Every structure is written in C-alpha cells, then in structure tokens.
C-alpha cells in the first residue's frame, strides 16, 4: 500500500501539520505509524481529509463531521437546512451592509461631508430602517408567497450578482414610480406610456433573470392585491401606478411590442 508522510499530506491538502495532528487527536483521521513512530497516510485517510475539508467549507462542525464519519444517526437534511439558513442570514446581513456603504459613497460623490461620526450614525440609522423595512415586507410576503416561493427568493436573489444593490434598485423604482405618477393621467396606448413600460421592463430584468415560476406567481398575487397592503411598505410606486403599467403593458402587447419580462409578470 502506498503511503505518504505528514509533510506531503500537508502540501496536498493545504492543511498544516499542526491541524493534521489536531484532527488525529479528535479521532477524525487515523494515520499509520512507521517503526520509528513517523506518521504516514494511506489513500483512504487522504480521501477522508479531503471530505473533512469539504464538509468544513459547508459549515459543519468537527463534532458533526465525526458523527458522519462514525456513521452515527444524524438527520443530515435537517443539519444542512440549518447551515443553509445560517448562510442565507449571513448573505442578507452582508447585502444590507453593502447597501449602506454604496449609499454613503454616493453621498460623498455628491460632495456631502461625511466624517466618522456621521458614518456611524448612518450605519445605525440604516440598520434600524432596513430592519424595520424588512419586517414590513416579511409580513406582506407571508400573506401572498408560498413556502416554495420564499425559499426560491432566498436561494435565487444572490444570483443577481455582486454589482446588485438593493438600496440602489429601490431608489430606481422610486424614481420611475414618481415620474409615472406625475405624468398621469395618460393614454395607456400613447408613446409616452410605451416609454414608461419599457423602463419598467428594464428595471424588472434583474429579477426576471433569476425568478422561478413560484417567485413569479407569488409576485403576481402580491401586486394584484396591492390595494390591501398599500401604505404598509413602499415598493416605490402606488396601486394607481401599478394599474396604469398593467394597462399600458396590455396595450403595448396588443400593438405587437416586445416587452420582455413584462410579458410574464408585474414587477416583483
């Protein structure tokens, strides 16, 4: 049987010799010993180390990994779901912190004086506002989104990319909604209405790119009932703007215009 020494294992796996000895002490690996007492690893132990590294990257603790290695009873699905929940919560927190930084940089670019005290105040205020806003949206989405849709949102929204900023996205919806409201009343079949529909479709595209059928259906249901929750949370536009865009989109499709994601669902 071919074996390799601890130094070679360290080079192969990226683990330090100290970490290898620690894992041995915890019973996670059991290297052989030469007559002189030197540790050597066979193919089986090397494969176990690679498995250990992969499971640690997935967030499992050493105790959980040992239980798997020892084949003790363990609810792997429940364990992985807990890890997924933790990862998604961390991703949400990172996205919120990023939104604060992007917003603050935007203010600096506009020439606003931002010192350390102001930044700390913005962070505390942003944390409070985002927490409150998230709670409002959760209450609303719980009414209209299926469990499948909510799971899909948590899984798919990170795919919108590192350049996506929820704060910037919300501000763009607010700007568009304000301009449409100011232009109303307007003929839904007019060129101006078509222009607004195309802007709406362009803003919808990042969501449309990752949305699953469950996400579409939940969004359609939520915005179809917007009058019931209007005022509880702010999507950037009111129910009258939503109704106008739906009318304008219907007119545009009847005229043969390609509206991309608007052909499938309203803004979600």
Protein backbone atom coordinates (compact mmCIF):
# COMPACT_ATOMS: atom_id res chain seq x y z
CA UNK A 1 0.00 0.00 0.00
CA UNK A 2 1.36 3.38 -1.00
CA UNK A 3 1.63 5.86 1.84
CA UNK A 4 2.82 9.46 2.15
CA UNK A 5 4.22 11.29 5.15
CA UNK A 6 2.64 14.16 7.03
CA UNK A 7 4.66 16.81 5.19
CA UNK A 8 3.42 15.60 1.81
CA UNK A 9 -0.18 15.38 3.11
CA UNK A 10 0.11 18.98 4.30
CA UNK A 11 1.25 20.05 0.83
CA UNK A 12 -1.50 18.03 -0.86
CA UNK A 13 -4.40 19.20 1.30
CA UNK A 14 -3.25 22.70 2.30
CA UNK A 15 -3.63 21.73 5.96
CA UNK A 16 -0.84 22.45 8.39
CA UNK A 17 0.95 19.63 10.19
CA UNK A 18 -0.47 21.07 13.41
CA UNK A 19 -4.03 20.82 12.04
CA UNK A 20 -3.41 17.23 10.93
CA UNK A 21 -2.25 16.28 14.41
CA UNK A 22 -5.28 18.04 15.90
CA UNK A 23 -7.68 16.10 13.64
CA UNK A 24 -5.92 12.91 14.62
CA UNK A 25 -6.37 13.76 18.31
CA UNK A 26 -10.10 14.30 17.70
CA UNK A 27 -10.39 10.89 16.05
CA UNK A 28 -11.17 12.28 12.61
CA UNK A 29 -8.22 10.61 10.92
CA UNK A 30 -6.05 7.66 11.97
CA UNK A 31 -2.67 7.72 10.22
CA UNK A 32 -0.42 4.69 10.34
CA UNK A 33 2.89 4.75 12.15
CA UNK A 34 6.23 3.54 10.90
CA UNK A 35 8.57 1.54 13.09
CA UNK A 36 10.22 4.80 14.08
CA UNK A 37 6.86 6.35 15.01
CA UNK A 38 6.56 8.62 11.98
CA UNK A 39 3.00 9.31 10.76
CA UNK A 40 2.11 8.11 7.25
CA UNK A 41 -1.22 8.35 5.43
CA UNK A 42 -2.81 5.89 3.03
CA UNK A 43 -5.24 6.67 0.21
CA UNK A 44 -8.25 6.14 2.49
CA UNK A 45 -7.08 8.65 5.08
CA UNK A 46 -6.16 11.17 2.40
CA UNK A 47 -9.67 10.88 0.93
CA UNK A 48 -11.14 11.33 4.43
CA UNK A 49 -9.14 14.55 4.84
CA UNK A 50 -10.48 15.89 1.56
CA UNK A 51 -14.01 15.04 2.74
CA UNK A 52 -13.34 16.79 6.04
CA UNK A 53 -12.22 19.95 4.22
CA UNK A 54 -15.33 19.92 2.02
CA UNK A 55 -17.68 19.44 4.98
CA UNK A 56 -15.99 22.23 6.94
CA UNK A 57 -16.46 24.56 3.97
CA UNK A 58 -20.16 23.67 4.08
CA UNK A 59 -20.19 24.92 7.67
CA UNK A 60 -20.35 21.64 9.59
CA UNK A 61 -18.63 21.48 12.97
CA UNK A 62 -15.95 18.91 13.71
CA UNK A 63 -18.36 17.10 16.05
CA UNK A 64 -20.93 16.87 13.25
CA UNK A 65 -18.28 15.68 10.79
CA UNK A 66 -17.11 13.00 13.21
CA UNK A 67 -20.68 11.78 13.64
CA UNK A 68 -20.92 11.41 9.86
CA UNK A 69 -17.58 9.65 9.66
CA UNK A 70 -18.58 7.32 12.51
CA UNK A 71 -21.96 6.78 10.81
CA UNK A 72 -23.82 7.67 13.98
CA UNK A 73 -27.54 8.54 13.49
CA UNK A 74 -27.78 12.10 12.24
CA UNK A 75 -30.52 13.97 10.36
CA UNK A 76 -28.34 15.18 7.51
CA UNK A 77 -31.16 17.02 5.71
CA UNK A 78 -32.08 18.97 8.86
CA UNK A 79 -28.42 19.69 9.55
CA UNK A 80 -27.81 21.04 6.05
CA UNK A 81 -31.01 23.11 6.21
CA UNK A 82 -29.75 24.75 9.41
CA UNK A 83 -26.46 25.51 7.70
CA UNK A 84 -28.28 26.91 4.67
CA UNK A 85 -30.44 29.13 6.89
CA UNK A 86 -27.31 30.46 8.59
CA UNK A 87 -25.60 31.14 5.25
CA UNK A 88 -28.66 32.95 3.90
CA UNK A 89 -28.93 35.10 7.04
CA UNK A 90 -25.26 35.99 6.68
CA UNK A 91 -25.76 36.84 2.99
CA UNK A 92 -28.67 39.12 3.89
CA UNK A 93 -26.58 40.90 6.52
CA UNK A 94 -23.73 41.37 4.04
CA UNK A 95 -26.14 42.77 1.42
CA UNK A 96 -27.51 45.25 3.97
CA UNK A 97 -24.03 46.42 4.97
CA UNK A 98 -23.11 46.78 1.30
CA UNK A 99 -26.20 48.92 0.69
CA UNK A 100 -25.12 51.30 3.49
CA UNK A 101 -21.62 51.60 2.03
CA UNK A 102 -22.91 52.20 -1.52
CA UNK A 103 -25.36 54.82 -0.27
CA UNK A 104 -22.67 56.59 1.78
CA UNK A 105 -20.22 56.59 -1.14
CA UNK A 106 -22.94 58.08 -3.32
CA UNK A 107 -23.41 60.90 -0.82
CA UNK A 108 -19.65 61.52 -0.74
CA UNK A 109 -19.61 61.62 -4.56
CA UNK A 110 -22.29 64.31 -4.40
CA UNK A 111 -19.97 66.40 -2.21
CA UNK A 112 -21.60 65.80 1.17
CA UNK A 113 -19.15 65.98 4.10
CA UNK A 114 -19.10 62.53 5.75
CA UNK A 115 -16.89 62.09 8.82
CA UNK A 116 -16.54 59.08 11.12
CA UNK A 117 -19.32 60.21 13.45
CA UNK A 118 -21.70 60.77 10.53
CA UNK A 119 -20.82 57.38 9.06
CA UNK A 120 -21.52 55.64 12.39
CA UNK A 121 -24.84 57.47 12.60
CA UNK A 122 -25.73 56.42 9.04
CA UNK A 123 -24.88 52.80 9.83
CA UNK A 124 -27.02 52.77 12.97
CA UNK A 125 -29.88 54.54 11.19
CA UNK A 126 -29.54 52.27 8.16
CA UNK A 127 -29.57 49.16 10.33
CA UNK A 128 -32.74 50.32 12.08
CA UNK A 129 -34.53 51.36 8.88
CA UNK A 130 -33.58 48.23 6.97
CA UNK A 131 -34.61 46.01 9.87
CA UNK A 132 -37.96 47.76 10.13
CA UNK A 133 -38.48 47.69 6.35
CA UNK A 134 -37.52 44.00 6.16
CA UNK A 135 -40.04 43.19 8.89
CA UNK A 136 -42.78 45.05 6.99
CA UNK A 137 -42.03 43.23 3.75
CA UNK A 138 -41.88 39.86 5.52
CA UNK A 139 -45.35 40.45 6.93
CA UNK A 140 -46.66 41.21 3.43
CA UNK A 141 -44.86 38.42 1.59
CA UNK A 142 -46.01 35.90 4.20
CA UNK A 143 -49.58 36.62 3.07
CA UNK A 144 -49.02 36.04 -0.63
CA UNK A 145 -45.87 33.95 -1.12
CA UNK A 146 -45.88 30.17 -0.86
CA UNK A 147 -43.15 28.46 1.15
CA UNK A 148 -41.64 27.38 -2.17
CA UNK A 149 -41.59 30.99 -3.41
CA UNK A 150 -39.95 32.27 -0.21
CA UNK A 151 -37.32 29.54 -0.38
CA UNK A 152 -36.69 30.36 -4.05
CA UNK A 153 -36.28 34.08 -3.23
CA UNK A 154 -33.64 33.29 -0.58
CA UNK A 155 -31.84 30.95 -2.97
CA UNK A 156 -32.05 32.90 -6.23
CA UNK A 157 -31.69 36.60 -5.33
CA UNK A 158 -27.93 36.29 -4.59
CA UNK A 159 -27.61 35.26 -8.26
CA UNK A 160 -28.46 38.83 -9.26
CA UNK A 161 -24.74 39.43 -8.76
CA UNK A 162 -22.23 41.30 -6.62
CA UNK A 163 -22.93 44.54 -8.50
CA UNK A 164 -26.59 44.45 -7.46
CA UNK A 165 -27.51 46.89 -4.69
CA UNK A 166 -30.94 46.60 -3.11
CA UNK A 167 -30.76 50.24 -1.98
CA UNK A 168 -29.93 51.48 -5.49
CA UNK A 169 -32.56 49.21 -7.02
CA UNK A 170 -35.22 50.56 -4.66
CA UNK A 171 -34.20 54.14 -5.43
CA UNK A 172 -34.57 53.50 -9.17
CA UNK A 173 -38.08 52.08 -8.69
CA UNK A 174 -38.93 55.14 -6.59
CA UNK A 175 -37.68 57.49 -9.30
CA UNK A 176 -39.63 55.71 -12.04
CA UNK A 177 -42.78 55.46 -9.94
CA UNK A 178 -42.62 59.18 -9.14
CA UNK A 179 -42.21 60.16 -12.79
CA UNK A 180 -45.11 57.95 -13.91
CA UNK A 181 -47.35 59.34 -11.18
CA UNK A 182 -46.51 62.92 -12.22
CA UNK A 183 -47.36 62.15 -15.87
CA UNK A 184 -50.78 60.66 -15.08
CA UNK A 185 -53.46 60.72 -16.36
CA UNK A 186 -52.08 59.41 -19.60
CA UNK A 187 -53.33 57.34 -22.53
CA UNK A 188 -52.06 53.77 -21.89
CA UNK A 189 -51.61 53.33 -25.65
CA UNK A 190 -49.52 56.51 -26.10
CA UNK A 191 -45.82 56.64 -27.00
CA UNK A 192 -45.09 58.16 -23.58
CA UNK A 193 -46.80 55.22 -21.88
CA UNK A 194 -44.80 52.78 -24.02
CA UNK A 195 -41.61 54.52 -22.92
CA UNK A 196 -42.55 54.05 -19.27
CA UNK A 197 -43.42 50.40 -19.87
CA UNK A 198 -40.02 49.80 -21.44
CA UNK A 199 -38.27 51.48 -18.49
CA UNK A 200 -40.31 49.28 -16.15
CA UNK A 201 -39.31 46.17 -18.10
CA UNK A 202 -35.64 47.17 -17.99
CA UNK A 203 -35.79 47.60 -14.22
CA UNK A 204 -37.57 44.28 -13.88
CA UNK A 205 -34.90 42.42 -15.85
CA UNK A 206 -32.50 41.57 -12.96
CA UNK A 207 -35.37 39.90 -11.11
CA UNK A 208 -36.76 38.26 -14.25
CA UNK A 209 -33.35 36.75 -14.97
CA UNK A 210 -33.35 34.66 -11.78
CA UNK A 211 -37.07 34.28 -10.96
CA UNK A 212 -38.63 30.83 -10.70
CA UNK A 213 -42.30 30.14 -11.55
CA UNK A 214 -43.13 30.18 -7.82
CA UNK A 215 -41.49 33.60 -7.46
CA UNK A 216 -43.45 34.95 -10.45
CA UNK A 217 -46.74 33.60 -9.15
CA UNK A 218 -46.17 34.97 -5.65
CA UNK A 219 -45.24 38.38 -7.04
CA UNK A 220 -48.29 38.46 -9.30
CA UNK A 221 -50.54 37.57 -6.38
CA UNK A 222 -48.97 40.17 -4.12
CA UNK A 223 -49.18 43.05 -6.60
CA UNK A 224 -52.68 42.05 -7.73
CA UNK A 225 -53.70 42.66 -4.11
CA UNK A 226 -51.60 45.80 -3.66
CA UNK A 227 -54.61 47.86 -2.55
CA UNK A 228 -54.88 45.61 0.52
CA UNK A 229 -51.35 46.36 1.81
CA UNK A 230 -50.57 49.76 0.28
CA UNK A 231 -49.06 52.04 2.91
CA UNK A 232 -47.59 49.19 4.95
CA UNK A 233 -44.41 49.09 2.83
CA UNK A 234 -43.11 51.18 -0.06
CA UNK A 235 -42.17 49.45 -3.34
CA UNK A 236 -41.53 52.87 -4.93
CA UNK A 237 -44.95 53.30 -6.55
CA UNK A 238 -48.60 53.15 -5.56
CA UNK A 239 -51.52 50.99 -6.71
CA UNK A 240 -52.62 53.53 -9.33
CA UNK A 241 -49.18 53.42 -10.98
CA UNK A 242 -49.24 49.62 -10.87
CA UNK A 243 -52.68 49.58 -12.52
CA UNK A 244 -51.56 52.04 -15.19
CA UNK A 245 -48.44 49.99 -16.06
CA UNK A 246 -50.58 46.87 -16.39
CA UNK A 247 -52.95 48.71 -18.75
CA UNK A 248 -50.05 50.17 -20.74
CA UNK A 249 -48.34 46.78 -20.97
CA UNK A 250 -51.56 45.20 -22.23
CA UNK A 251 -51.88 47.94 -24.88
CA UNK A 252 -48.23 47.57 -25.90
CA UNK A 253 -48.52 43.79 -26.28
CA UNK A 254 -51.72 44.23 -28.32
CA UNK A 255 -49.74 46.54 -30.61
CA UNK A 256 -47.08 43.86 -31.06
CA UNK A 257 -44.33 45.43 -28.93
CA UNK A 258 -41.87 43.06 -27.22
CA UNK A 259 -41.85 43.84 -23.51
CA UNK A 260 -39.53 41.10 -22.27
CA UNK A 261 -40.24 40.17 -18.62
CA UNK A 262 -43.44 42.23 -18.56
CA UNK A 263 -44.96 39.59 -20.77
CA UNK A 264 -44.75 37.19 -17.84
CA UNK A 265 -45.48 39.14 -14.67
CA UNK A 266 -45.61 42.52 -12.99
CA UNK A 267 -42.72 43.89 -11.00
CA UNK A 268 -41.86 41.54 -8.14
